Amino acid sequence: MSEIVAVYGSPRRKGNTSTLLKRAVDGAREAGAQVDEIVLRDCKMSPCLEIYGCKKDGECAIKDDFQAVRDRILAGKGLMIASPIFFYTVSAHVKILMDRCQSLWVKKYWIDKVAYGMWEPARKGLVISAGATRGKKLFDGMLLTMKYFFDTLDMELWDSLLCRELDFEGDVDKHPEYLEHAYQRGHEFVRAVRKI
C-alpha cells in the first residue's frame, strides 16, 4: 500500500500539469513517502453510463480499469491529482474517473446512509492545475468539482497549486518558480498526510 497516490489527468504525457505533478512526486519521495503513480490516459475506462447497477451494493456494474484505479486511490492516505483546465473544469480523463466514482457516492449516501457533512476526513488531497489564461475565475469550476469529488472519497482539500499562462507543452519550463513550488508542496504534503 502506498502512502500517496498521484493521478496524472492530462492527455499529454509531458504536458505542463504532468511536469508539475512529477515535481510534486519528487518532493514527496524526497520526504520519504511511497508514491503510486497512475496515468489516466493509459487506463481503459468507460464513462458512467448511468445504469445505476451500483444501487445494489455500491459496486460499479461496468468492469474495466476503474476498479483497480479506485482501489489504489482508496488505499492511500493522500491523493495528488493534476489536470489541465479544459473549458474551466477538469480534463475528460479526470471527469470520467470522477463520474465513475458515483458508485462510491451511492454507497456512502444511499446504501450506508451517511448524513451529509457528518464524516471525518480519512485522506488529504492536493490539486495541481494549469491553465492558459489569466482569467480571474479560471480555476473556480475545477476547484468546485474537486471539492465534491473529494467529499465522495472522505477526503479534505489540503492545498491547490494553480498555475496560469501555461498552454503549450514545455511552457512550465519558463516558470522555475512553479516547478519549485510543486516540489515543496509535494514535500510538505507528506507531513500533512502523516498527521491523519
N, C-alpha and C. Protein backbone atom coordinates (compact mmCIF):
# COMPACT_ATOMS: atom_id res chain seq x y z
N MET A 1 0.84 -1.19 0.00
CA MET A 1 0.00 0.00 0.00
C MET A 1 0.88 1.25 0.00
N SER A 2 0.61 2.16 -0.90
CA SER A 2 1.37 3.40 -0.98
C SER A 2 0.75 4.45 -0.06
N GLU A 3 1.60 5.29 0.45
CA GLU A 3 1.15 6.37 1.33
C GLU A 3 0.38 7.42 0.54
N ILE A 4 0.90 7.72 -0.66
CA ILE A 4 0.32 8.76 -1.51
C ILE A 4 0.10 8.20 -2.90
N VAL A 5 -1.02 8.58 -3.50
CA VAL A 5 -1.32 8.21 -4.88
C VAL A 5 -1.29 9.48 -5.72
N ALA A 6 -0.60 9.43 -6.84
CA ALA A 6 -0.51 10.58 -7.75
C ALA A 6 -1.22 10.23 -9.05
N VAL A 7 -2.24 11.00 -9.39
CA VAL A 7 -3.05 10.74 -10.58
C VAL A 7 -2.77 11.82 -11.63
N TYR A 8 -2.24 11.37 -12.75
CA TYR A 8 -1.95 12.26 -13.89
C TYR A 8 -3.19 12.32 -14.78
N GLY A 9 -3.80 13.49 -14.85
CA GLY A 9 -5.04 13.62 -15.60
C GLY A 9 -4.92 14.33 -16.93
N SER A 10 -3.69 14.59 -17.37
CA SER A 10 -3.51 15.28 -18.64
C SER A 10 -3.51 14.29 -19.80
N PRO A 11 -4.05 14.68 -20.94
CA PRO A 11 -3.92 13.84 -22.13
C PRO A 11 -2.48 13.81 -22.67
N ARG A 12 -1.65 14.75 -22.22
CA ARG A 12 -0.25 14.80 -22.67
C ARG A 12 0.65 14.19 -21.61
N ARG A 13 1.53 13.30 -22.04
CA ARG A 13 2.46 12.67 -21.10
C ARG A 13 3.44 13.67 -20.50
N LYS A 14 3.86 14.64 -21.31
CA LYS A 14 4.87 15.59 -20.85
C LYS A 14 4.31 17.01 -20.86
N GLY A 15 3.01 17.11 -20.62
CA GLY A 15 2.39 18.43 -20.56
C GLY A 15 2.76 19.16 -19.29
N ASN A 16 2.24 20.36 -19.14
CA ASN A 16 2.60 21.19 -18.01
C ASN A 16 2.11 20.62 -16.68
N THR A 17 0.87 20.14 -16.63
CA THR A 17 0.38 19.58 -15.36
C THR A 17 1.12 18.29 -15.02
N SER A 18 1.45 17.50 -16.02
CA SER A 18 2.20 16.27 -15.76
C SER A 18 3.58 16.60 -15.19
N THR A 19 4.21 17.62 -15.74
CA THR A 19 5.54 18.02 -15.26
C THR A 19 5.44 18.54 -13.83
N LEU A 20 4.42 19.33 -13.54
CA LEU A 20 4.23 19.85 -12.18
C LEU A 20 3.97 18.72 -11.18
N LEU A 21 3.13 17.77 -11.57
CA LEU A 21 2.85 16.66 -10.67
C LEU A 21 4.09 15.81 -10.45
N LYS A 22 4.87 15.61 -11.49
CA LYS A 22 6.11 14.84 -11.35
C LYS A 22 7.04 15.50 -10.33
N ARG A 23 7.10 16.83 -10.35
CA ARG A 23 7.93 17.54 -9.37
C ARG A 23 7.38 17.36 -7.95
N ALA A 24 6.05 17.39 -7.82
CA ALA A 24 5.45 17.16 -6.50
C ALA A 24 5.74 15.74 -6.02
N VAL A 25 5.68 14.78 -6.93
CA VAL A 25 6.01 13.39 -6.60
C VAL A 25 7.47 13.30 -6.14
N ASP A 26 8.36 14.00 -6.85
CA ASP A 26 9.77 14.02 -6.45
C ASP A 26 9.92 14.55 -5.03
N GLY A 27 9.19 15.61 -4.72
CA GLY A 27 9.24 16.20 -3.39
C GLY A 27 8.73 15.24 -2.33
N ALA A 28 7.64 14.54 -2.64
CA ALA A 28 7.07 13.57 -1.69
C ALA A 28 8.03 12.41 -1.46
N ARG A 29 8.64 11.93 -2.52
CA ARG A 29 9.59 10.83 -2.37
C ARG A 29 10.83 11.27 -1.59
N GLU A 30 11.25 12.50 -1.82
CA GLU A 30 12.40 13.02 -1.07
C GLU A 30 12.07 13.08 0.43
N ALA A 31 10.79 13.29 0.75
CA ALA A 31 10.36 13.32 2.16
C ALA A 31 10.15 11.92 2.71
N GLY A 32 10.40 10.90 1.91
CA GLY A 32 10.32 9.52 2.39
C GLY A 32 9.03 8.79 2.11
N ALA A 33 8.14 9.37 1.32
CA ALA A 33 6.85 8.73 1.05
C ALA A 33 6.94 7.74 -0.09
N GLN A 34 6.13 6.69 0.01
CA GLN A 34 5.92 5.79 -1.12
C GLN A 34 4.80 6.40 -1.97
N VAL A 35 5.04 6.53 -3.26
CA VAL A 35 4.06 7.16 -4.14
C VAL A 35 3.70 6.20 -5.27
N ASP A 36 2.41 5.97 -5.44
CA ASP A 36 1.87 5.15 -6.51
C ASP A 36 1.37 6.09 -7.60
N GLU A 37 1.94 6.00 -8.80
CA GLU A 37 1.59 6.90 -9.89
C GLU A 37 0.62 6.23 -10.87
N ILE A 38 -0.45 6.93 -11.20
CA ILE A 38 -1.46 6.44 -12.13
C ILE A 38 -1.59 7.45 -13.27
N VAL A 39 -1.43 6.99 -14.49
CA VAL A 39 -1.59 7.84 -15.67
C VAL A 39 -2.94 7.49 -16.29
N LEU A 40 -3.91 8.39 -16.16
CA LEU A 40 -5.27 8.07 -16.60
C LEU A 40 -5.37 7.81 -18.09
N ARG A 41 -4.55 8.47 -18.89
CA ARG A 41 -4.64 8.25 -20.35
C ARG A 41 -4.26 6.82 -20.73
N ASP A 42 -3.58 6.10 -19.84
CA ASP A 42 -3.22 4.71 -20.11
C ASP A 42 -4.29 3.73 -19.64
N CYS A 43 -5.30 4.23 -18.96
CA CYS A 43 -6.35 3.36 -18.41
C CYS A 43 -7.52 3.24 -19.38
N LYS A 44 -8.10 2.07 -19.41
CA LYS A 44 -9.30 1.84 -20.22
C LYS A 44 -10.50 2.01 -19.28
N MET A 45 -11.14 3.17 -19.36
CA MET A 45 -12.29 3.46 -18.50
C MET A 45 -13.43 4.05 -19.31
N SER A 46 -14.55 3.38 -19.25
CA SER A 46 -15.76 3.90 -19.88
C SER A 46 -16.29 5.07 -19.07
N PRO A 47 -16.95 6.00 -19.71
CA PRO A 47 -17.70 6.99 -18.93
C PRO A 47 -18.82 6.29 -18.15
N CYS A 48 -19.33 6.95 -17.13
CA CYS A 48 -20.50 6.43 -16.43
C CYS A 48 -21.66 6.35 -17.42
N LEU A 49 -22.35 5.22 -17.42
CA LEU A 49 -23.49 5.04 -18.32
C LEU A 49 -24.83 5.24 -17.60
N GLU A 50 -24.76 5.63 -16.34
CA GLU A 50 -25.93 5.94 -15.52
C GLU A 50 -26.97 4.82 -15.55
N ILE A 51 -26.49 3.58 -15.40
CA ILE A 51 -27.40 2.44 -15.36
C ILE A 51 -27.76 2.07 -13.93
N TYR A 52 -27.11 2.70 -12.97
CA TYR A 52 -27.38 2.51 -11.55
C TYR A 52 -27.32 1.07 -11.09
N GLY A 53 -26.40 0.31 -11.69
CA GLY A 53 -26.13 -1.02 -11.16
C GLY A 53 -25.52 -0.94 -9.79
N CYS A 54 -24.97 0.23 -9.45
CA CYS A 54 -24.31 0.42 -8.16
C CYS A 54 -25.29 0.56 -7.00
N LYS A 55 -26.59 0.69 -7.29
CA LYS A 55 -27.56 0.86 -6.21
C LYS A 55 -27.66 -0.36 -5.30
N LYS A 56 -27.27 -1.52 -5.82
CA LYS A 56 -27.38 -2.75 -5.03
C LYS A 56 -26.34 -2.80 -3.90
N ASP A 57 -25.07 -2.57 -4.24
CA ASP A 57 -24.01 -2.72 -3.23
C ASP A 57 -22.89 -1.68 -3.34
N GLY A 58 -23.11 -0.66 -4.18
CA GLY A 58 -22.10 0.37 -4.34
C GLY A 58 -20.99 0.02 -5.31
N GLU A 59 -21.14 -1.09 -6.00
CA GLU A 59 -20.14 -1.53 -6.99
C GLU A 59 -20.58 -1.10 -8.39
N CYS A 60 -19.67 -0.48 -9.12
CA CYS A 60 -19.98 -0.11 -10.50
C CYS A 60 -20.17 -1.36 -11.34
N ALA A 61 -21.22 -1.38 -12.14
CA ALA A 61 -21.53 -2.55 -12.96
C ALA A 61 -20.62 -2.67 -14.18
N ILE A 62 -19.97 -1.59 -14.56
CA ILE A 62 -19.07 -1.62 -15.71
C ILE A 62 -17.72 -2.13 -15.23
N LYS A 63 -17.23 -3.18 -15.82
CA LYS A 63 -15.96 -3.78 -15.41
C LYS A 63 -14.86 -3.38 -16.38
N ASP A 64 -13.94 -2.58 -15.90
CA ASP A 64 -12.78 -2.15 -16.69
C ASP A 64 -11.69 -1.72 -15.72
N ASP A 65 -10.83 -0.79 -16.10
CA ASP A 65 -9.72 -0.39 -15.24
C ASP A 65 -10.15 0.46 -14.04
N PHE A 66 -11.41 0.91 -14.04
CA PHE A 66 -11.86 1.77 -12.94
C PHE A 66 -11.67 1.12 -11.58
N GLN A 67 -12.03 -0.14 -11.45
CA GLN A 67 -11.97 -0.79 -10.14
C GLN A 67 -10.55 -0.78 -9.56
N ALA A 68 -9.57 -1.06 -10.40
CA ALA A 68 -8.19 -1.06 -9.93
C ALA A 68 -7.73 0.35 -9.55
N VAL A 69 -8.09 1.34 -10.36
CA VAL A 69 -7.73 2.73 -10.05
C VAL A 69 -8.40 3.17 -8.75
N ARG A 70 -9.69 2.88 -8.62
CA ARG A 70 -10.41 3.22 -7.39
C ARG A 70 -9.75 2.60 -6.16
N ASP A 71 -9.42 1.33 -6.25
CA ASP A 71 -8.82 0.64 -5.10
C ASP A 71 -7.46 1.22 -4.73
N ARG A 72 -6.69 1.60 -5.73
CA ARG A 72 -5.38 2.20 -5.45
C ARG A 72 -5.54 3.56 -4.78
N ILE A 73 -6.52 4.35 -5.24
CA ILE A 73 -6.76 5.65 -4.61
C ILE A 73 -7.22 5.48 -3.17
N LEU A 74 -8.14 4.56 -2.94
CA LEU A 74 -8.69 4.36 -1.59
C LEU A 74 -7.66 3.76 -0.64
N ALA A 75 -6.63 3.11 -1.16
CA ALA A 75 -5.60 2.50 -0.32
C ALA A 75 -4.62 3.55 0.22
N GLY A 76 -4.58 4.72 -0.39
CA GLY A 76 -3.64 5.75 0.04
C GLY A 76 -4.25 6.70 1.05
N LYS A 77 -3.39 7.37 1.79
CA LYS A 77 -3.83 8.40 2.75
C LYS A 77 -3.85 9.78 2.11
N GLY A 78 -3.14 9.91 1.01
CA GLY A 78 -3.09 11.20 0.32
C GLY A 78 -3.23 11.01 -1.17
N LEU A 79 -3.90 11.97 -1.82
CA LEU A 79 -4.08 11.95 -3.27
C LEU A 79 -3.56 13.26 -3.84
N MET A 80 -2.62 13.15 -4.78
CA MET A 80 -2.20 14.30 -5.56
C MET A 80 -2.78 14.08 -6.95
N ILE A 81 -3.60 15.00 -7.40
CA ILE A 81 -4.25 14.84 -8.70
C ILE A 81 -4.02 16.09 -9.54
N ALA A 82 -3.65 15.89 -10.79
CA ALA A 82 -3.32 17.01 -11.67
C ALA A 82 -4.16 16.97 -12.93
N SER A 83 -4.69 18.13 -13.29
CA SER A 83 -5.48 18.24 -14.51
C SER A 83 -5.27 19.61 -15.13
N PRO A 84 -5.14 19.66 -16.45
CA PRO A 84 -5.18 20.96 -17.11
C PRO A 84 -6.62 21.47 -17.10
N ILE A 85 -6.78 22.75 -17.34
CA ILE A 85 -8.12 23.34 -17.42
C ILE A 85 -8.63 23.21 -18.85
N PHE A 86 -9.77 22.55 -18.99
CA PHE A 86 -10.48 22.45 -20.27
C PHE A 86 -11.87 23.06 -20.05
N PHE A 87 -12.15 24.16 -20.73
CA PHE A 87 -13.44 24.83 -20.58
C PHE A 87 -13.79 25.06 -19.11
N TYR A 88 -12.82 25.55 -18.37
CA TYR A 88 -12.99 25.96 -16.97
C TYR A 88 -13.26 24.80 -16.02
N THR A 89 -12.93 23.60 -16.42
CA THR A 89 -13.02 22.47 -15.49
C THR A 89 -11.91 21.47 -15.81
N VAL A 90 -12.07 20.24 -15.33
CA VAL A 90 -11.04 19.21 -15.47
C VAL A 90 -11.03 18.61 -16.87
N SER A 91 -9.97 17.87 -17.16
CA SER A 91 -9.87 17.16 -18.44
C SER A 91 -10.90 16.03 -18.50
N ALA A 92 -11.16 15.52 -19.69
CA ALA A 92 -12.10 14.41 -19.86
C ALA A 92 -11.63 13.18 -19.10
N HIS A 93 -10.33 12.95 -19.04
CA HIS A 93 -9.80 11.78 -18.33
C HIS A 93 -10.16 11.83 -16.85
N VAL A 94 -9.98 12.99 -16.24
CA VAL A 94 -10.31 13.15 -14.82
C VAL A 94 -11.82 13.09 -14.62
N LYS A 95 -12.57 13.69 -15.53
CA LYS A 95 -14.03 13.71 -15.37
C LYS A 95 -14.60 12.29 -15.45
N ILE A 96 -14.05 11.45 -16.30
CA ILE A 96 -14.51 10.06 -16.36
C ILE A 96 -14.27 9.37 -15.02
N LEU A 97 -13.08 9.57 -14.45
CA LEU A 97 -12.80 8.98 -13.14
C LEU A 97 -13.80 9.49 -12.10
N MET A 98 -14.02 10.78 -12.07
CA MET A 98 -14.97 11.35 -11.11
C MET A 98 -16.36 10.76 -11.29
N ASP A 99 -16.83 10.72 -12.52
CA ASP A 99 -18.18 10.22 -12.78
C ASP A 99 -18.33 8.75 -12.40
N ARG A 100 -17.30 7.97 -12.62
CA ARG A 100 -17.36 6.56 -12.24
C ARG A 100 -17.37 6.40 -10.72
N CYS A 101 -16.85 7.39 -10.00
CA CYS A 101 -16.90 7.35 -8.53
C CYS A 101 -18.29 7.66 -8.00
N GLN A 102 -19.24 7.88 -8.91
CA GLN A 102 -20.64 7.99 -8.49
C GLN A 102 -21.06 6.75 -7.71
N SER A 103 -20.46 5.61 -8.05
CA SER A 103 -20.77 4.37 -7.33
C SER A 103 -20.37 4.49 -5.86
N LEU A 104 -19.27 5.19 -5.57
CA LEU A 104 -18.86 5.41 -4.18
C LEU A 104 -19.82 6.37 -3.48
N TRP A 105 -20.29 7.37 -4.22
CA TRP A 105 -21.28 8.30 -3.67
C TRP A 105 -22.56 7.56 -3.31
N VAL A 106 -23.00 6.68 -4.21
CA VAL A 106 -24.22 5.89 -3.96
C VAL A 106 -24.04 5.04 -2.70
N LYS A 107 -22.87 4.39 -2.59
CA LYS A 107 -22.63 3.56 -1.41
C LYS A 107 -22.64 4.39 -0.14
N LYS A 108 -21.96 5.52 -0.18
CA LYS A 108 -21.83 6.36 1.01
C LYS A 108 -23.17 6.94 1.45
N TYR A 109 -23.89 7.56 0.51
CA TYR A 109 -25.07 8.33 0.88
C TYR A 109 -26.40 7.58 0.74
N TRP A 110 -26.50 6.62 -0.17
CA TRP A 110 -27.75 5.89 -0.33
C TRP A 110 -27.75 4.57 0.43
N ILE A 111 -26.65 3.82 0.33
CA ILE A 111 -26.62 2.50 0.96
C ILE A 111 -26.25 2.61 2.44
N ASP A 112 -25.11 3.26 2.74
CA ASP A 112 -24.67 3.40 4.13
C ASP A 112 -25.38 4.53 4.86
N LYS A 113 -26.07 5.38 4.11
CA LYS A 113 -26.87 6.47 4.67
C LYS A 113 -26.08 7.41 5.59
N VAL A 114 -24.88 7.74 5.17
CA VAL A 114 -24.08 8.72 5.91
C VAL A 114 -24.76 10.08 5.75
N ALA A 115 -24.93 10.80 6.85
CA ALA A 115 -25.55 12.13 6.80
C ALA A 115 -24.57 13.10 6.14
N TYR A 116 -25.09 13.99 5.30
CA TYR A 116 -24.23 14.95 4.61
C TYR A 116 -23.42 15.76 5.61
N GLY A 117 -22.13 15.83 5.37
CA GLY A 117 -21.24 16.59 6.23
C GLY A 117 -20.89 15.90 7.54
N MET A 118 -21.41 14.71 7.77
CA MET A 118 -21.18 14.01 9.04
C MET A 118 -20.18 12.87 8.86
N TRP A 119 -19.01 13.21 8.36
CA TRP A 119 -17.95 12.23 8.20
C TRP A 119 -16.62 12.90 8.52
N GLU A 120 -15.70 12.10 8.98
CA GLU A 120 -14.37 12.59 9.31
C GLU A 120 -13.43 12.33 8.13
N PRO A 121 -12.63 13.31 7.75
CA PRO A 121 -11.70 13.08 6.65
C PRO A 121 -10.73 11.95 6.96
N ALA A 122 -10.65 11.01 6.03
CA ALA A 122 -9.73 9.88 6.16
C ALA A 122 -8.50 10.09 5.28
N ARG A 123 -8.57 11.07 4.40
CA ARG A 123 -7.50 11.33 3.44
C ARG A 123 -7.36 12.82 3.20
N LYS A 124 -6.22 13.19 2.62
CA LYS A 124 -5.99 14.58 2.23
C LYS A 124 -5.69 14.63 0.73
N GLY A 125 -6.07 15.74 0.11
CA GLY A 125 -5.84 15.88 -1.31
C GLY A 125 -5.08 17.15 -1.67
N LEU A 126 -4.24 17.01 -2.66
CA LEU A 126 -3.51 18.14 -3.25
C LEU A 126 -3.88 18.20 -4.72
N VAL A 127 -4.39 19.34 -5.15
CA VAL A 127 -4.80 19.53 -6.54
C VAL A 127 -3.77 20.40 -7.26
N ILE A 128 -3.38 19.95 -8.43
CA ILE A 128 -2.45 20.73 -9.27
C ILE A 128 -3.14 20.97 -10.61
N SER A 129 -3.12 22.22 -11.05
CA SER A 129 -3.77 22.53 -12.32
C SER A 129 -3.03 23.64 -13.04
N ALA A 130 -3.14 23.61 -14.35
CA ALA A 130 -2.53 24.64 -15.20
C ALA A 130 -3.55 25.10 -16.23
N GLY A 131 -3.59 26.39 -16.42
CA GLY A 131 -4.48 26.97 -17.42
C GLY A 131 -3.74 27.99 -18.26
N ALA A 132 -4.27 28.25 -19.43
CA ALA A 132 -3.56 29.10 -20.40
C ALA A 132 -3.75 30.59 -20.17
N THR A 133 -4.85 30.97 -19.54
CA THR A 133 -5.16 32.40 -19.44
C THR A 133 -4.88 32.95 -18.05
N ARG A 134 -5.14 34.25 -17.90
CA ARG A 134 -5.02 34.89 -16.59
C ARG A 134 -6.39 35.19 -16.00
N GLY A 135 -7.43 34.57 -16.54
CA GLY A 135 -8.80 34.84 -16.10
C GLY A 135 -8.99 34.71 -14.61
N LYS A 136 -9.73 35.63 -14.01
CA LYS A 136 -9.94 35.67 -12.57
C LYS A 136 -10.59 34.38 -12.06
N LYS A 137 -11.49 33.81 -12.83
CA LYS A 137 -12.24 32.62 -12.39
C LYS A 137 -11.76 31.35 -13.07
N LEU A 138 -10.55 31.38 -13.57
CA LEU A 138 -10.01 30.26 -14.35
C LEU A 138 -10.13 28.92 -13.64
N PHE A 139 -9.90 28.89 -12.35
CA PHE A 139 -9.86 27.62 -11.61
C PHE A 139 -11.11 27.36 -10.77
N ASP A 140 -12.08 28.27 -10.79
CA ASP A 140 -13.24 28.14 -9.90
C ASP A 140 -14.04 26.87 -10.16
N GLY A 141 -14.34 26.58 -11.43
CA GLY A 141 -15.14 25.40 -11.76
C GLY A 141 -14.42 24.11 -11.40
N MET A 142 -13.12 24.05 -11.68
CA MET A 142 -12.34 22.86 -11.37
C MET A 142 -12.28 22.62 -9.87
N LEU A 143 -12.06 23.68 -9.08
CA LEU A 143 -11.97 23.51 -7.64
C LEU A 143 -13.29 23.08 -7.02
N LEU A 144 -14.40 23.60 -7.54
CA LEU A 144 -15.71 23.18 -7.03
C LEU A 144 -15.96 21.71 -7.35
N THR A 145 -15.60 21.30 -8.56
CA THR A 145 -15.74 19.90 -8.95
C THR A 145 -14.89 19.00 -8.06
N MET A 146 -13.64 19.41 -7.80
CA MET A 146 -12.75 18.64 -6.94
C MET A 146 -13.29 18.53 -5.52
N LYS A 147 -13.88 19.60 -5.02
CA LYS A 147 -14.43 19.59 -3.66
C LYS A 147 -15.44 18.46 -3.50
N TYR A 148 -16.36 18.33 -4.44
CA TYR A 148 -17.39 17.30 -4.32
C TYR A 148 -16.86 15.91 -4.64
N PHE A 149 -15.86 15.83 -5.50
CA PHE A 149 -15.19 14.56 -5.74
C PHE A 149 -14.50 14.08 -4.46
N PHE A 150 -13.79 14.98 -3.81
CA PHE A 150 -13.10 14.64 -2.57
C PHE A 150 -14.08 14.24 -1.47
N ASP A 151 -15.22 14.88 -1.43
CA ASP A 151 -16.25 14.51 -0.45
C ASP A 151 -16.60 13.03 -0.56
N THR A 152 -16.76 12.55 -1.76
CA THR A 152 -17.08 11.15 -2.00
C THR A 152 -15.98 10.23 -1.48
N LEU A 153 -14.75 10.69 -1.51
CA LEU A 153 -13.60 9.89 -1.08
C LEU A 153 -13.25 10.08 0.39
N ASP A 154 -14.12 10.78 1.15
CA ASP A 154 -13.82 11.11 2.56
C ASP A 154 -12.48 11.84 2.65
N MET A 155 -12.32 12.81 1.78
CA MET A 155 -11.04 13.50 1.64
C MET A 155 -11.23 15.00 1.77
N GLU A 156 -10.30 15.66 2.45
CA GLU A 156 -10.34 17.11 2.51
C GLU A 156 -9.25 17.69 1.61
N LEU A 157 -9.56 18.82 1.01
CA LEU A 157 -8.58 19.51 0.18
C LEU A 157 -7.55 20.15 1.08
N TRP A 158 -6.32 19.67 0.99
CA TRP A 158 -5.23 20.22 1.79
C TRP A 158 -4.72 21.51 1.16
N ASP A 159 -4.51 21.47 -0.15
CA ASP A 159 -4.00 22.66 -0.84
C ASP A 159 -4.17 22.48 -2.34
N SER A 160 -4.00 23.58 -3.06
CA SER A 160 -4.05 23.54 -4.52
C SER A 160 -2.91 24.39 -5.07
N LEU A 161 -2.31 23.89 -6.12
CA LEU A 161 -1.26 24.61 -6.84
C LEU A 161 -1.84 24.95 -8.21
N LEU A 162 -2.12 26.23 -8.42
CA LEU A 162 -2.83 26.68 -9.62
C LEU A 162 -1.91 27.60 -10.41
N CYS A 163 -1.57 27.17 -11.61
CA CYS A 163 -0.57 27.88 -12.41
C CYS A 163 -1.19 28.43 -13.69
N ARG A 164 -1.01 29.71 -13.90
CA ARG A 164 -1.59 30.39 -15.06
C ARG A 164 -0.56 30.57 -16.18
N GLU A 165 -1.09 30.91 -17.34
CA GLU A 165 -0.29 31.22 -18.53
C GLU A 165 0.57 30.04 -18.98
N LEU A 166 0.02 28.84 -18.83
CA LEU A 166 0.70 27.63 -19.32
C LEU A 166 -0.23 26.98 -20.33
N ASP A 167 0.19 26.91 -21.57
CA ASP A 167 -0.66 26.35 -22.61
C ASP A 167 0.07 25.24 -23.36
N PHE A 168 1.13 25.59 -24.07
CA PHE A 168 1.82 24.62 -24.89
C PHE A 168 2.82 23.81 -24.09
N GLU A 169 3.04 22.58 -24.54
CA GLU A 169 3.97 21.69 -23.86
C GLU A 169 5.32 22.38 -23.68
N GLY A 170 5.83 22.35 -22.46
CA GLY A 170 7.12 22.97 -22.17
C GLY A 170 7.02 24.38 -21.63
N ASP A 171 5.82 24.99 -21.64
CA ASP A 171 5.68 26.35 -21.12
C ASP A 171 6.08 26.44 -19.65
N VAL A 172 5.84 25.37 -18.90
CA VAL A 172 6.16 25.40 -17.47
C VAL A 172 7.65 25.55 -17.22
N ASP A 173 8.47 25.14 -18.18
CA ASP A 173 9.92 25.27 -18.02
C ASP A 173 10.37 26.73 -17.97
N LYS A 174 9.50 27.62 -18.45
CA LYS A 174 9.80 29.06 -18.40
C LYS A 174 9.47 29.64 -17.03
N HIS A 175 8.90 28.82 -16.16
CA HIS A 175 8.49 29.27 -14.83
C HIS A 175 9.09 28.37 -13.76
N PRO A 176 10.39 28.51 -13.50
CA PRO A 176 11.03 27.66 -12.49
C PRO A 176 10.39 27.80 -11.11
N GLU A 177 9.75 28.95 -10.87
CA GLU A 177 9.09 29.14 -9.56
C GLU A 177 7.92 28.18 -9.39
N TYR A 178 7.20 27.87 -10.49
CA TYR A 178 6.10 26.90 -10.43
C TYR A 178 6.65 25.51 -10.09
N LEU A 179 7.74 25.15 -10.73
CA LEU A 179 8.34 23.83 -10.51
C LEU A 179 8.86 23.69 -9.09
N GLU A 180 9.47 24.74 -8.59
CA GLU A 180 9.97 24.70 -7.21
C GLU A 180 8.82 24.62 -6.20
N HIS A 181 7.77 25.37 -6.48
CA HIS A 181 6.61 25.35 -5.59
C HIS A 181 5.98 23.95 -5.58
N ALA A 182 5.89 23.32 -6.73
CA ALA A 182 5.33 21.96 -6.82
C ALA A 182 6.16 20.99 -5.99
N TYR A 183 7.47 21.09 -6.09
CA TYR A 183 8.36 20.22 -5.33
C TYR A 183 8.15 20.43 -3.83
N GLN A 184 8.10 21.68 -3.41
CA GLN A 184 7.92 21.99 -1.99
C GLN A 184 6.57 21.53 -1.48
N ARG A 185 5.52 21.72 -2.28
CA ARG A 185 4.19 21.28 -1.84
C ARG A 185 4.13 19.76 -1.72
N GLY A 186 4.77 19.07 -2.63
CA GLY A 186 4.83 17.61 -2.53
C GLY A 186 5.55 17.16 -1.28
N HIS A 187 6.63 17.83 -0.96
CA HIS A 187 7.41 17.52 0.24
C HIS A 187 6.58 17.77 1.50
N GLU A 188 5.90 18.92 1.55
CA GLU A 188 5.10 19.29 2.72
C GLU A 188 3.83 18.45 2.84
N PHE A 189 3.35 17.97 1.71
CA PHE A 189 2.13 17.14 1.70
C PHE A 189 2.33 15.87 2.52
N VAL A 190 3.52 15.32 2.47
CA VAL A 190 3.81 14.09 3.21
C VAL A 190 3.59 14.33 4.71
N ARG A 191 4.08 15.43 5.21
CA ARG A 191 3.90 15.76 6.63
C ARG A 191 2.42 15.88 6.98
N ALA A 192 1.66 16.52 6.10
CA ALA A 192 0.22 16.70 6.34
C ALA A 192 -0.50 15.35 6.35
N VAL A 193 -0.15 14.49 5.40
CA VAL A 193 -0.79 13.17 5.30
C VAL A 193 -0.49 12.33 6.53
N ARG A 194 0.71 12.43 7.03
CA ARG A 194 1.10 11.61 8.19
C ARG A 194 0.45 12.05 9.49
N LYS A 195 -0.17 13.21 9.47
CA LYS A 195 -0.88 13.69 10.67
C LYS A 195 -2.28 13.09 10.79
N ILE A 196 -2.75 12.44 9.73
CA ILE A 196 -4.11 11.86 9.75
C ILE A 196 -4.18 10.77 10.80
